[in-house]
């Protein structure tokens, strides 16, 4: 990956960064009296391009989805290497693959659950998969479909579809990240695995499931050895926190787990992790040659959309501005 290939892309990304929502505008939305007022404020921004055709403020999800789809299309257009964008689009691909497999195996229509932002042509994959035509299918996808179907035939457990798909997803994203040899991308993939494993550990503890189940759902490849995570099932949460203090992302993990002990929910943990990922990407603002600014801009935009969704859902539920602010994430700008 030649860093000089990204001179024009970085220049264009710098312009796009100036259009990201400011903290002041987010504050205005948090203080808005209702969802209609939030939409009016949003109309003062570049979201005006996707607000056309909106008939009701309650259709905000269409706006957010359209904006993310627009951003992904643009980033694919300006990025020299698709892999830079694929790293972040992959989560949508595997979401779609889960939906597709469940449609076939459970014999149900989940067509409303597909997401547009993936890197794969899900319509072509769906056509081939449902007709059992694997001739032109990527070998990775063929293996996934065969293994998941075989597992379902043996276990008849729909939950295992998600478990197996998640394993394939994290393996795939880590392979892509390692292929780039870009430290930011590799750290992102490994940190994502760690955060997912810790959340899984907490949930399995709460559900009082056994160590064999945890061993199946924990993802290998993170900074924290998967066996270490599994062994955390047999010790207290305080001991788990002490156990993981030595890792690079430990302040966020440990603080998140401490808050979880107090409130009994993972929402604050997830907020801390989102903020950690944003902090890891902020140095990209000072990189002039290379793919990192493209990657980090997408992270920034996805976080922005997440913040908008929090505000909009909160307005529908009539939460106070202070309650909304407690839920918001850090911005890139």
C-alpha atoms as a PDB file:
ATOM      1  CA  UNK A   1       0.000   0.000   0.000  1.00  0.00           C
ATOM      2  CA  UNK A   2       1.704   3.170  -1.274  1.00  0.00           C
ATOM      3  CA  UNK A   3       1.044   6.149   1.008  1.00  0.00           C
ATOM      4  CA  UNK A   4       1.640   8.586  -1.842  1.00  0.00           C
ATOM      5  CA  UNK A   5      -1.417   7.179  -3.619  1.00  0.00           C
ATOM      6  CA  UNK A   6      -3.574   8.888  -0.992  1.00  0.00           C
ATOM      7  CA  UNK A   7      -2.530  12.533  -1.444  1.00  0.00           C
ATOM      8  CA  UNK A   8      -5.703  13.554  -3.287  1.00  0.00           C
ATOM      9  CA  UNK A   9      -7.950  11.368  -1.140  1.00  0.00           C
ATOM     10  CA  UNK A  10      -6.595  12.899   2.067  1.00  0.00           C
ATOM     11  CA  UNK A  11      -7.040  16.422   0.660  1.00  0.00           C
ATOM     12  CA  UNK A  12     -10.660  15.643  -0.146  1.00  0.00           C
ATOM     13  CA  UNK A  13     -11.203  14.021   3.253  1.00  0.00           C
ATOM     14  CA  UNK A  14      -9.953  17.168   4.985  1.00  0.00           C
ATOM     15  CA  UNK A  15     -12.773  19.087   3.305  1.00  0.00           C
ATOM     16  CA  UNK A  16     -15.301  16.465   4.390  1.00  0.00           C
ATOM     17  CA  UNK A  17     -14.057  16.671   7.983  1.00  0.00           C
ATOM     18  CA  UNK A  18     -15.058  20.346   8.100  1.00  0.00           C
ATOM     19  CA  UNK A  19     -18.658  19.263   7.441  1.00  0.00           C
ATOM     20  CA  UNK A  20     -18.848  16.899  10.402  1.00  0.00           C
ATOM     21  CA  UNK A  21     -21.306  18.036  13.057  1.00  0.00           C
ATOM     22  CA  UNK A  22     -19.788  20.261  15.723  1.00  0.00           C
ATOM     23  CA  UNK A  23     -20.302  19.809  19.457  1.00  0.00           C
ATOM     24  CA  UNK A  24     -22.277  23.080  19.478  1.00  0.00           C
ATOM     25  CA  UNK A  25     -24.756  21.754  16.918  1.00  0.00           C
ATOM     26  CA  UNK A  26     -25.105  18.463  18.780  1.00  0.00           C
ATOM     27  CA  UNK A  27     -25.832  20.457  21.941  1.00  0.00           C
ATOM     28  CA  UNK A  28     -28.566  22.364  20.101  1.00  0.00           C
ATOM     29  CA  UNK A  29     -30.149  19.090  19.074  1.00  0.00           C
ATOM     30  CA  UNK A  30     -29.979  17.742  22.622  1.00  0.00           C
ATOM     31  CA  UNK A  31     -31.751  20.903  23.822  1.00  0.00           C
ATOM     32  CA  UNK A  32     -34.357  20.825  21.022  1.00  0.00           C
ATOM     33  CA  UNK A  33     -37.958  20.589  22.205  1.00  0.00           C
ATOM     34  CA  UNK A  34     -38.851  17.630  19.989  1.00  0.00           C
ATOM     35  CA  UNK A  35     -37.835  15.462  17.039  1.00  0.00           C
ATOM     36  CA  UNK A  36     -39.213  17.932  14.491  1.00  0.00           C
ATOM     37  CA  UNK A  37     -36.875  20.625  15.801  1.00  0.00           C
ATOM     38  CA  UNK A  38     -33.946  18.197  15.665  1.00  0.00           C
ATOM     39  CA  UNK A  39     -34.733  17.581  11.984  1.00  0.00           C
ATOM     40  CA  UNK A  40     -34.841  21.327  11.307  1.00  0.00           C
ATOM     41  CA  UNK A  41     -31.378  21.748  12.829  1.00  0.00           C
ATOM     42  CA  UNK A  42     -30.138  18.776  10.792  1.00  0.00           C
ATOM     43  CA  UNK A  43     -31.445  20.506   7.678  1.00  0.00           C
ATOM     44  CA  UNK A  44     -28.820  23.219   8.224  1.00  0.00           C
ATOM     45  CA  UNK A  45     -26.054  20.656   7.596  1.00  0.00           C
ATOM     46  CA  UNK A  46     -24.928  18.410   4.742  1.00  0.00           C
ATOM     47  CA  UNK A  47     -27.714  16.025   5.761  1.00  0.00           C
ATOM     48  CA  UNK A  48     -29.988  18.294   3.715  1.00  0.00           C
ATOM     49  CA  UNK A  49     -29.031  16.081   0.739  1.00  0.00           C
ATOM     50  CA  UNK A  50     -30.743  13.030   2.273  1.00  0.00           C
ATOM     51  CA  UNK A  51     -33.670  14.815   3.919  1.00  0.00           C
ATOM     52  CA  UNK A  52     -35.510  15.204   0.619  1.00  0.00           C
ATOM     53  CA  UNK A  53     -38.614  13.047   0.427  1.00  0.00           C
ATOM     54  CA  UNK A  54     -38.906  12.707   4.189  1.00  0.00           C
ATOM     55  CA  UNK A  55     -42.584  13.007   5.043  1.00  0.00           C
ATOM     56  CA  UNK A  56     -42.458  12.435   8.793  1.00  0.00           C
ATOM     57  CA  UNK A  57     -39.732  13.140  11.352  1.00  0.00           C
ATOM     58  CA  UNK A  58     -40.298   9.628  12.724  1.00  0.00           C
ATOM     59  CA  UNK A  59     -38.741   8.286   9.511  1.00  0.00           C
ATOM     60  CA  UNK A  60     -35.330   9.459  10.735  1.00  0.00           C
ATOM     61  CA  UNK A  61     -33.812   5.993  10.239  1.00  0.00           C
ATOM     62  CA  UNK A  62     -34.168   6.403   6.470  1.00  0.00           C
ATOM     63  CA  UNK A  63     -32.164   9.623   6.693  1.00  0.00           C
ATOM     64  CA  UNK A  64     -29.386   8.077   8.763  1.00  0.00           C
ATOM     65  CA  UNK A  65     -29.168   4.978   6.559  1.00  0.00           C
ATOM     66  CA  UNK A  66     -29.091   7.057   3.377  1.00  0.00           C
ATOM     67  CA  UNK A  67     -26.330   9.267   4.752  1.00  0.00           C
ATOM     68  CA  UNK A  68     -24.151   6.302   5.695  1.00  0.00           C
ATOM     69  CA  UNK A  69     -24.733   4.704   2.289  1.00  0.00           C
ATOM     70  CA  UNK A  70     -23.701   7.972   0.621  1.00  0.00           C
ATOM     71  CA  UNK A  71     -20.528   8.165   2.713  1.00  0.00           C
ATOM     72  CA  UNK A  72     -19.520   4.580   1.955  1.00  0.00           C
ATOM     73  CA  UNK A  73     -20.072   5.081  -1.780  1.00  0.00           C
ATOM     74  CA  UNK A  74     -17.926   8.215  -1.673  1.00  0.00           C
ATOM     75  CA  UNK A  75     -15.137   6.588   0.332  1.00  0.00           C
ATOM     76  CA  UNK A  76     -14.981   3.655  -2.087  1.00  0.00           C
ATOM     77  CA  UNK A  77     -14.777   6.187  -4.907  1.00  0.00           C
ATOM     78  CA  UNK A  78     -11.818   8.125  -3.497  1.00  0.00           C
ATOM     79  CA  UNK A  79      -9.872   5.296  -1.838  1.00  0.00           C
ATOM     80  CA  UNK A  80      -7.065   3.782  -3.900  1.00  0.00           C
ATOM     81  CA  UNK A  81      -7.462   0.420  -2.131  1.00  0.00           C
ATOM     82  CA  UNK A  82     -10.939  -0.974  -1.419  1.00  0.00           C
ATOM     83  CA  UNK A  83      -9.596  -2.837   1.595  1.00  0.00           C
ATOM     84  CA  UNK A  84      -9.420   0.427   3.588  1.00  0.00           C
ATOM     85  CA  UNK A  85     -13.195   0.797   3.373  1.00  0.00           C
ATOM     86  CA  UNK A  86     -13.862  -2.957   3.410  1.00  0.00           C
ATOM     87  CA  UNK A  87     -12.486  -3.106   6.961  1.00  0.00           C
ATOM     88  CA  UNK A  88     -15.471  -1.096   8.158  1.00  0.00           C
ATOM     89  CA  UNK A  89     -18.049  -2.287   5.621  1.00  0.00           C
ATOM     90  CA  UNK A  90     -17.433  -5.904   6.561  1.00  0.00           C
ATOM     91  CA  UNK A  91     -19.711  -5.747   9.614  1.00  0.00           C
ATOM     92  CA  UNK A  92     -22.640  -4.979   7.302  1.00  0.00           C
ATOM     93  CA  UNK A  93     -21.675  -7.831   4.979  1.00  0.00           C
ATOM     94  CA  UNK A  94     -21.732 -10.359   7.790  1.00  0.00           C
ATOM     95  CA  UNK A  95     -24.974  -8.944   9.132  1.00  0.00           C
ATOM     96  CA  UNK A  96     -26.468  -9.542   5.684  1.00  0.00           C
ATOM     97  CA  UNK A  97     -25.007 -13.039   5.508  1.00  0.00           C
ATOM     98  CA  UNK A  98     -26.621 -13.861   8.857  1.00  0.00           C
ATOM     99  CA  UNK A  99     -29.967 -12.613   7.558  1.00  0.00           C
ATOM    100  CA  UNK A 100     -29.595 -14.617   4.353  1.00  0.00           C
ATOM    101  CA  UNK A 101     -28.737 -17.883   6.113  1.00  0.00           C
ATOM    102  CA  UNK A 102     -31.602 -17.455   8.584  1.00  0.00           C
ATOM    103  CA  UNK A 103     -34.025 -16.818   5.733  1.00  0.00           C
ATOM    104  CA  UNK A 104     -33.055 -20.135   4.161  1.00  0.00           C
ATOM    105  CA  UNK A 105     -32.688 -22.313   7.239  1.00  0.00           C
ATOM    106  CA  UNK A 106     -35.608 -20.899   9.230  1.00  0.00           C
ATOM    107  CA  UNK A 107     -37.777 -20.502   6.096  1.00  0.00           C
ATOM    108  CA  UNK A 108     -38.767 -16.937   6.987  1.00  0.00           C
ATOM    109  CA  UNK A 109     -38.746 -13.627   5.130  1.00  0.00           C
ATOM    110  CA  UNK A 110     -36.239 -11.189   6.684  1.00  0.00           C
ATOM    111  CA  UNK A 111     -35.797  -9.047   3.565  1.00  0.00           C
ATOM    112  CA  UNK A 112     -36.462  -5.863   5.559  1.00  0.00           C
ATOM    113  CA  UNK A 113     -33.343  -6.506   7.671  1.00  0.00           C
ATOM    114  CA  UNK A 114     -30.730  -6.218   4.918  1.00  0.00           C
ATOM    115  CA  UNK A 115     -28.332  -3.231   5.067  1.00  0.00           C
ATOM    116  CA  UNK A 116     -26.976  -1.459   1.984  1.00  0.00           C
ATOM    117  CA  UNK A 117     -23.522  -0.436   3.194  1.00  0.00           C
ATOM    118  CA  UNK A 118     -21.667  -3.722   2.709  1.00  0.00           C
ATOM    119  CA  UNK A 119     -18.827  -4.396   0.280  1.00  0.00           C
ATOM    120  CA  UNK A 120     -20.433  -7.550  -1.140  1.00  0.00           C
ATOM    121  CA  UNK A 121     -23.177  -7.808  -3.750  1.00  0.00           C
ATOM    122  CA  UNK A 122     -25.707  -9.403  -1.423  1.00  0.00           C
ATOM    123  CA  UNK A 123     -28.351  -9.665  -4.157  1.00  0.00           C
ATOM    124  CA  UNK A 124     -26.053 -11.805  -6.330  1.00  0.00           C
ATOM    125  CA  UNK A 125     -24.925 -13.850  -3.319  1.00  0.00           C
ATOM    126  CA  UNK A 126     -28.556 -14.399  -2.299  1.00  0.00           C
ATOM    127  CA  UNK A 127     -29.524 -15.545  -5.790  1.00  0.00           C
ATOM    128  CA  UNK A 128     -26.659 -18.042  -5.960  1.00  0.00           C
ATOM    129  CA  UNK A 129     -27.048 -19.274  -2.392  1.00  0.00           C
ATOM    130  CA  UNK A 130     -30.778 -19.883  -2.513  1.00  0.00           C
ATOM    131  CA  UNK A 131     -30.413 -21.733  -5.819  1.00  0.00           C
ATOM    132  CA  UNK A 132     -27.461 -23.769  -4.457  1.00  0.00           C
ATOM    133  CA  UNK A 133     -25.238 -22.437  -7.235  1.00  0.00           C
ATOM    134  CA  UNK A 134     -21.736 -22.113  -5.738  1.00  0.00           C
ATOM    135  CA  UNK A 135     -19.813 -22.157  -9.031  1.00  0.00           C
ATOM    136  CA  UNK A 136     -18.902 -18.460  -9.101  1.00  0.00           C
ATOM    137  CA  UNK A 137     -19.045 -17.920  -5.342  1.00  0.00           C
ATOM    138  CA  UNK A 138     -16.028 -16.812  -3.340  1.00  0.00           C
ATOM    139  CA  UNK A 139     -14.457 -19.825  -1.602  1.00  0.00           C
ATOM    140  CA  UNK A 140     -14.699 -18.073   1.768  1.00  0.00           C
ATOM    141  CA  UNK A 141     -18.452 -17.634   1.391  1.00  0.00           C
ATOM    142  CA  UNK A 142     -18.894 -21.194   0.188  1.00  0.00           C
ATOM    143  CA  UNK A 143     -17.105 -22.472   3.305  1.00  0.00           C
ATOM    144  CA  UNK A 144     -19.188 -20.255   5.582  1.00  0.00           C
ATOM    145  CA  UNK A 145     -22.488 -21.409   4.119  1.00  0.00           C
ATOM    146  CA  UNK A 146     -21.519 -25.076   4.177  1.00  0.00           C
ATOM    147  CA  UNK A 147     -20.196 -25.010   7.755  1.00  0.00           C
ATOM    148  CA  UNK A 148     -23.133 -23.034   9.158  1.00  0.00           C
ATOM    149  CA  UNK A 149     -25.688 -25.246   7.412  1.00  0.00           C
ATOM    150  CA  UNK A 150     -23.930 -28.387   8.630  1.00  0.00           C
ATOM    151  CA  UNK A 151     -23.897 -27.060  12.186  1.00  0.00           C
ATOM    152  CA  UNK A 152     -27.604 -26.170  12.027  1.00  0.00           C
ATOM    153  CA  UNK A 153     -28.484 -29.626  10.714  1.00  0.00           C
ATOM    154  CA  UNK A 154     -26.650 -31.191  13.664  1.00  0.00           C
ATOM    155  CA  UNK A 155     -27.646 -28.804  16.469  1.00  0.00           C
ATOM    156  CA  UNK A 156     -30.854 -27.124  15.214  1.00  0.00           C
ATOM    157  CA  UNK A 157     -29.941 -24.051  17.255  1.00  0.00           C
ATOM    158  CA  UNK A 158     -30.537 -20.693  15.462  1.00  0.00           C
ATOM    159  CA  UNK A 159     -28.350 -18.894  18.040  1.00  0.00           C
ATOM    160  CA  UNK A 160     -25.341 -20.790  16.720  1.00  0.00           C
ATOM    161  CA  UNK A 161     -25.782 -19.124  13.317  1.00  0.00           C
ATOM    162  CA  UNK A 162     -24.796 -15.814  14.921  1.00  0.00           C
ATOM    163  CA  UNK A 163     -21.990 -17.428  16.909  1.00  0.00           C
ATOM    164  CA  UNK A 164     -20.375 -19.050  13.867  1.00  0.00           C
ATOM    165  CA  UNK A 165     -20.893 -15.997  11.653  1.00  0.00           C
ATOM    166  CA  UNK A 166     -19.239 -13.770  14.243  1.00  0.00           C
ATOM    167  CA  UNK A 167     -16.212 -16.061  14.310  1.00  0.00           C
ATOM    168  CA  UNK A 168     -15.897 -15.850  10.536  1.00  0.00           C
ATOM    169  CA  UNK A 169     -16.354 -12.070  10.621  1.00  0.00           C
ATOM    170  CA  UNK A 170     -13.611 -11.413  13.151  1.00  0.00           C
ATOM    171  CA  UNK A 171     -11.261 -13.827  11.421  1.00  0.00           C
ATOM    172  CA  UNK A 172     -11.903 -12.006   8.142  1.00  0.00           C
ATOM    173  CA  UNK A 173     -11.418  -8.488   9.502  1.00  0.00           C
ATOM    174  CA  UNK A 174      -8.186  -9.481  11.255  1.00  0.00           C
ATOM    175  CA  UNK A 175      -6.847 -11.017   8.032  1.00  0.00           C
ATOM    176  CA  UNK A 176      -7.654  -7.835   6.106  1.00  0.00           C
ATOM    177  CA  UNK A 177      -6.058  -5.633   8.758  1.00  0.00           C
ATOM    178  CA  UNK A 178      -2.875  -7.718   8.833  1.00  0.00           C
ATOM    179  CA  UNK A 179      -2.734  -7.624   5.038  1.00  0.00           C
ATOM    180  CA  UNK A 180      -2.551  -3.812   5.080  1.00  0.00           C
ATOM    181  CA  UNK A 181       0.293  -3.773   7.644  1.00  0.00           C
ATOM    182  CA  UNK A 182      -1.169  -0.468   8.925  1.00  0.00           C
ATOM    183  CA  UNK A 183      -0.857  -0.366  12.758  1.00  0.00           C
ATOM    184  CA  UNK A 184      -4.109   1.590  13.213  1.00  0.00           C
ATOM    185  CA  UNK A 185      -6.103  -1.016  11.280  1.00  0.00           C
ATOM    186  CA  UNK A 186      -4.509  -3.964  13.067  1.00  0.00           C
ATOM    187  CA  UNK A 187      -5.119  -2.353  16.471  1.00  0.00           C
ATOM    188  CA  UNK A 188      -8.726  -1.654  15.521  1.00  0.00           C
ATOM    189  CA  UNK A 189      -9.374  -5.302  14.626  1.00  0.00           C
ATOM    190  CA  UNK A 190      -7.661  -6.667  17.737  1.00  0.00           C
ATOM    191  CA  UNK A 191      -9.323  -4.155  20.071  1.00  0.00           C
ATOM    192  CA  UNK A 192     -12.711  -4.962  18.563  1.00  0.00           C
ATOM    193  CA  UNK A 193     -12.155  -8.643  19.311  1.00  0.00           C
ATOM    194  CA  UNK A 194     -11.138  -7.842  22.908  1.00  0.00           C
ATOM    195  CA  UNK A 195     -14.146  -5.620  23.557  1.00  0.00           C
ATOM    196  CA  UNK A 196     -16.499  -8.197  22.074  1.00  0.00           C
ATOM    197  CA  UNK A 197     -14.973 -10.966  24.182  1.00  0.00           C
ATOM    198  CA  UNK A 198     -15.237  -8.977  27.417  1.00  0.00           C
ATOM    199  CA  UNK A 199     -18.894  -8.153  26.739  1.00  0.00           C
ATOM    200  CA  UNK A 200     -19.497 -11.825  25.967  1.00  0.00           C
ATOM    201  CA  UNK A 201     -17.815 -12.857  29.224  1.00  0.00           C
ATOM    202  CA  UNK A 202     -20.043 -10.517  31.224  1.00  0.00           C
ATOM    203  CA  UNK A 203     -23.205 -11.739  29.500  1.00  0.00           C
ATOM    204  CA  UNK A 204     -22.301 -15.414  29.911  1.00  0.00           C
ATOM    205  CA  UNK A 205     -21.610 -14.808  33.621  1.00  0.00           C
ATOM    206  CA  UNK A 206     -24.991 -13.130  33.974  1.00  0.00           C
ATOM    207  CA  UNK A 207     -26.767 -15.958  32.122  1.00  0.00           C
ATOM    208  CA  UNK A 208     -24.894 -18.501  34.268  1.00  0.00           C
ATOM    209  CA  UNK A 209     -23.888 -20.580  31.264  1.00  0.00           C
ATOM    210  CA  UNK A 210     -21.008 -23.008  31.461  1.00  0.00           C
ATOM    211  CA  UNK A 211     -17.377 -22.719  30.401  1.00  0.00           C
ATOM    212  CA  UNK A 212     -17.923 -24.921  27.339  1.00  0.00           C
ATOM    213  CA  UNK A 213     -20.448 -22.448  25.944  1.00  0.00           C
ATOM    214  CA  UNK A 214     -18.101 -19.515  26.589  1.00  0.00           C
ATOM    215  CA  UNK A 215     -15.281 -21.395  24.874  1.00  0.00           C
ATOM    216  CA  UNK A 216     -17.409 -21.655  21.736  1.00  0.00           C
ATOM    217  CA  UNK A 217     -18.416 -17.997  21.573  1.00  0.00           C
ATOM    218  CA  UNK A 218     -15.114 -16.317  22.518  1.00  0.00           C
ATOM    219  CA  UNK A 219     -13.223 -15.009  19.468  1.00  0.00           C
ATOM    220  CA  UNK A 220      -9.492 -15.761  19.020  1.00  0.00           C
ATOM    221  CA  UNK A 221      -7.016 -13.192  17.692  1.00  0.00           C
ATOM    222  CA  UNK A 222      -7.310 -10.278  20.124  1.00  0.00           C
ATOM    223  CA  UNK A 223      -4.676  -8.746  22.370  1.00  0.00           C
ATOM    224  CA  UNK A 224      -6.101 -10.728  25.282  1.00  0.00           C
ATOM    225  CA  UNK A 225      -5.640 -14.469  24.789  1.00  0.00           C
ATOM    226  CA  UNK A 226      -9.037 -16.134  24.333  1.00  0.00           C
ATOM    227  CA  UNK A 227      -8.166 -18.754  26.976  1.00  0.00           C
ATOM    228  CA  UNK A 228      -7.632 -15.934  29.481  1.00  0.00           C
ATOM    229  CA  UNK A 229     -11.122 -14.653  28.737  1.00  0.00           C
ATOM    230  CA  UNK A 230     -12.631 -18.116  29.143  1.00  0.00           C
ATOM    231  CA  UNK A 231     -10.920 -18.614  32.504  1.00  0.00           C
ATOM    232  CA  UNK A 232     -12.519 -15.356  33.653  1.00  0.00           C
ATOM    233  CA  UNK A 233     -15.795 -17.220  33.981  1.00  0.00           C
ATOM    234  CA  UNK A 234     -14.598 -18.964  37.145  1.00  0.00           C
ATOM    235  CA  UNK A 235     -13.486 -15.836  39.010  1.00  0.00           C
ATOM    236  CA  UNK A 236     -15.262 -12.764  40.332  1.00  0.00           C
ATOM    237  CA  UNK A 237     -15.691  -9.600  38.264  1.00  0.00           C
ATOM    238  CA  UNK A 238     -13.241  -7.817  40.591  1.00  0.00           C
ATOM    239  CA  UNK A 239     -10.628 -10.469  39.785  1.00  0.00           C
ATOM    240  CA  UNK A 240     -11.401 -10.144  36.061  1.00  0.00           C
ATOM    241  CA  UNK A 241     -10.771  -6.391  36.280  1.00  0.00           C
ATOM    242  CA  UNK A 242      -7.428  -6.927  38.033  1.00  0.00           C
ATOM    243  CA  UNK A 243      -6.544  -9.643  35.526  1.00  0.00           C
ATOM    244  CA  UNK A 244      -6.874  -7.357  32.491  1.00  0.00           C
ATOM    245  CA  UNK A 245      -5.306  -4.176  33.903  1.00  0.00           C
ATOM    246  CA  UNK A 246      -1.988  -4.833  32.153  1.00  0.00           C
ATOM    247  CA  UNK A 247      -3.397  -4.599  28.610  1.00  0.00           C
ATOM    248  CA  UNK A 248      -3.195  -1.422  26.502  1.00  0.00           C
ATOM    249  CA  UNK A 249      -6.937  -0.756  26.440  1.00  0.00           C
ATOM    250  CA  UNK A 250      -7.350  -1.771  30.089  1.00  0.00           C
ATOM    251  CA  UNK A 251      -8.378   1.643  31.517  1.00  0.00           C
ATOM    252  CA  UNK A 252     -11.492   1.666  29.332  1.00  0.00           C
ATOM    253  CA  UNK A 253     -12.243  -2.027  29.892  1.00  0.00           C
ATOM    254  CA  UNK A 254     -11.684  -1.824  33.640  1.00  0.00           C
ATOM    255  CA  UNK A 255     -13.655   1.396  34.077  1.00  0.00           C
ATOM    256  CA  UNK A 256     -16.472  -0.025  31.961  1.00  0.00           C
ATOM    257  CA  UNK A 257     -16.609  -3.178  34.049  1.00  0.00           C
ATOM    258  CA  UNK A 258     -16.534  -1.162  37.274  1.00  0.00           C
ATOM    259  CA  UNK A 259     -19.500   0.900  36.070  1.00  0.00           C
ATOM    260  CA  UNK A 260     -21.262  -2.306  35.025  1.00  0.00           C
ATOM    261  CA  UNK A 261     -20.846  -3.586  38.591  1.00  0.00           C
ATOM    262  CA  UNK A 262     -22.624  -0.469  39.848  1.00  0.00           C
ATOM    263  CA  UNK A 263     -25.490  -0.181  37.369  1.00  0.00           C
ATOM    264  CA  UNK A 264     -25.853  -3.740  36.033  1.00  0.00           C
ATOM    265  CA  UNK A 265     -25.921  -2.811  32.346  1.00  0.00           C
ATOM    266  CA  UNK A 266     -23.313  -2.636  29.572  1.00  0.00           C
ATOM    267  CA  UNK A 267     -24.380   0.648  27.964  1.00  0.00           C
ATOM    268  CA  UNK A 268     -21.729   2.691  29.802  1.00  0.00           C
ATOM    269  CA  UNK A 269     -19.080   0.106  28.907  1.00  0.00           C
ATOM    270  CA  UNK A 270     -20.049   0.408  25.240  1.00  0.00           C
ATOM    271  CA  UNK A 271     -19.874   4.200  25.434  1.00  0.00           C
ATOM    272  CA  UNK A 272     -16.354   4.060  26.899  1.00  0.00           C
ATOM    273  CA  UNK A 273     -15.253   1.669  24.156  1.00  0.00           C
ATOM    274  CA  UNK A 274     -16.704   3.930  21.450  1.00  0.00           C
ATOM    275  CA  UNK A 275     -14.801   6.857  22.958  1.00  0.00           C
ATOM    276  CA  UNK A 276     -11.608   4.776  23.106  1.00  0.00           C
ATOM    277  CA  UNK A 277     -11.895   3.875  19.415  1.00  0.00           C
ATOM    278  CA  UNK A 278     -12.486   7.521  18.545  1.00  0.00           C
ATOM    279  CA  UNK A 279      -9.425   8.575  20.557  1.00  0.00           C
ATOM    280  CA  UNK A 280      -7.298   6.008  18.711  1.00  0.00           C
ATOM    281  CA  UNK A 281      -8.395   7.499  15.380  1.00  0.00           C
ATOM    282  CA  UNK A 282      -7.917  11.192  16.173  1.00  0.00           C
ATOM    283  CA  UNK A 283      -4.178  11.203  15.257  1.00  0.00           C
ATOM    284  CA  UNK A 284      -5.270  10.523  11.657  1.00  0.00           C
ATOM    285  CA  UNK A 285      -6.172  14.233  11.451  1.00  0.00           C
ATOM    286  CA  UNK A 286      -2.427  14.943  11.300  1.00  0.00           C
ATOM    287  CA  UNK A 287      -1.522  12.308   8.690  1.00  0.00           C
ATOM    288  CA  UNK A 288      -1.033  13.818   5.223  1.00  0.00           C
ATOM    289  CA  UNK A 289       0.011  10.738   3.249  1.00  0.00           C
ATOM    290  CA  UNK A 290      -1.716   7.397   3.736  1.00  0.00           C
ATOM    291  CA  UNK A 291      -5.073   5.625   4.092  1.00  0.00           C
ATOM    292  CA  UNK A 292      -5.675   6.317   7.795  1.00  0.00           C
ATOM    293  CA  UNK A 293      -7.656   9.578   7.294  1.00  0.00           C
ATOM    294  CA  UNK A 294     -10.157   7.754   5.035  1.00  0.00           C
ATOM    295  CA  UNK A 295     -10.659   5.016   7.630  1.00  0.00           C
ATOM    296  CA  UNK A 296     -10.927   7.478  10.516  1.00  0.00           C
ATOM    297  CA  UNK A 297     -13.395   9.698   8.650  1.00  0.00           C
ATOM    298  CA  UNK A 298     -15.742   6.726   8.258  1.00  0.00           C
ATOM    299  CA  UNK A 299     -15.362   5.979  11.991  1.00  0.00           C
ATOM    300  CA  UNK A 300     -16.182   9.640  12.690  1.00  0.00           C
ATOM    301  CA  UNK A 301     -19.219   9.572  10.434  1.00  0.00           C
ATOM    302  CA  UNK A 302     -20.563   6.331  11.907  1.00  0.00           C
ATOM    303  CA  UNK A 303     -20.148   7.768  15.397  1.00  0.00           C
ATOM    304  CA  UNK A 304     -21.947  10.912  14.294  1.00  0.00           C
ATOM    305  CA  UNK A 305     -24.851   8.833  13.002  1.00  0.00           C
ATOM    306  CA  UNK A 306     -24.911   6.853  16.256  1.00  0.00           C
ATOM    307  CA  UNK A 307     -25.105  10.131  18.206  1.00  0.00           C
ATOM    308  CA  UNK A 308     -27.957  11.370  16.017  1.00  0.00           C
ATOM    309  CA  UNK A 309     -29.831   8.108  16.516  1.00  0.00           C
ATOM    310  CA  UNK A 310     -29.413   8.410  20.300  1.00  0.00           C
ATOM    311  CA  UNK A 311     -30.780  11.971  20.207  1.00  0.00           C
ATOM    312  CA  UNK A 312     -33.719  11.063  17.980  1.00  0.00           C
ATOM    313  CA  UNK A 313     -34.748   7.991  19.954  1.00  0.00           C
ATOM    314  CA  UNK A 314     -34.370   9.991  23.169  1.00  0.00           C
ATOM    315  CA  UNK A 315     -36.641  12.737  21.830  1.00  0.00           C
ATOM    316  CA  UNK A 316     -39.280  10.152  20.934  1.00  0.00           C
ATOM    317  CA  UNK A 317     -39.044   8.824  24.489  1.00  0.00           C
ATOM    318  CA  UNK A 318     -39.164  12.367  25.888  1.00  0.00           C
ATOM    319  CA  UNK A 319     -35.863  12.150  27.767  1.00  0.00           C
ATOM    320  CA  UNK A 320     -34.397  15.330  29.228  1.00  0.00           C
ATOM    321  CA  UNK A 321     -31.401  17.084  27.593  1.00  0.00           C
ATOM    322  CA  UNK A 322     -29.219  16.042  30.541  1.00  0.00           C
ATOM    323  CA  UNK A 323     -30.204  12.384  30.116  1.00  0.00           C
ATOM    324  CA  UNK A 324     -29.405  12.639  26.414  1.00  0.00           C
ATOM    325  CA  UNK A 325     -25.975  14.145  27.063  1.00  0.00           C
ATOM    326  CA  UNK A 326     -25.085  11.250  29.347  1.00  0.00           C
ATOM    327  CA  UNK A 327     -25.559   8.881  26.412  1.00  0.00           C
ATOM    328  CA  UNK A 328     -23.586  10.825  23.791  1.00  0.00           C
ATOM    329  CA  UNK A 329     -20.187   9.789  22.420  1.00  0.00           C
ATOM    330  CA  UNK A 330     -17.051  11.838  21.771  1.00  0.00           C
ATOM    331  CA  UNK A 331     -16.772  13.524  18.385  1.00  0.00           C
ATOM    332  CA  UNK A 332     -13.864  13.397  15.924  1.00  0.00           C
ATOM    333  CA  UNK A 333     -13.769  17.180  15.465  1.00  0.00           C
END
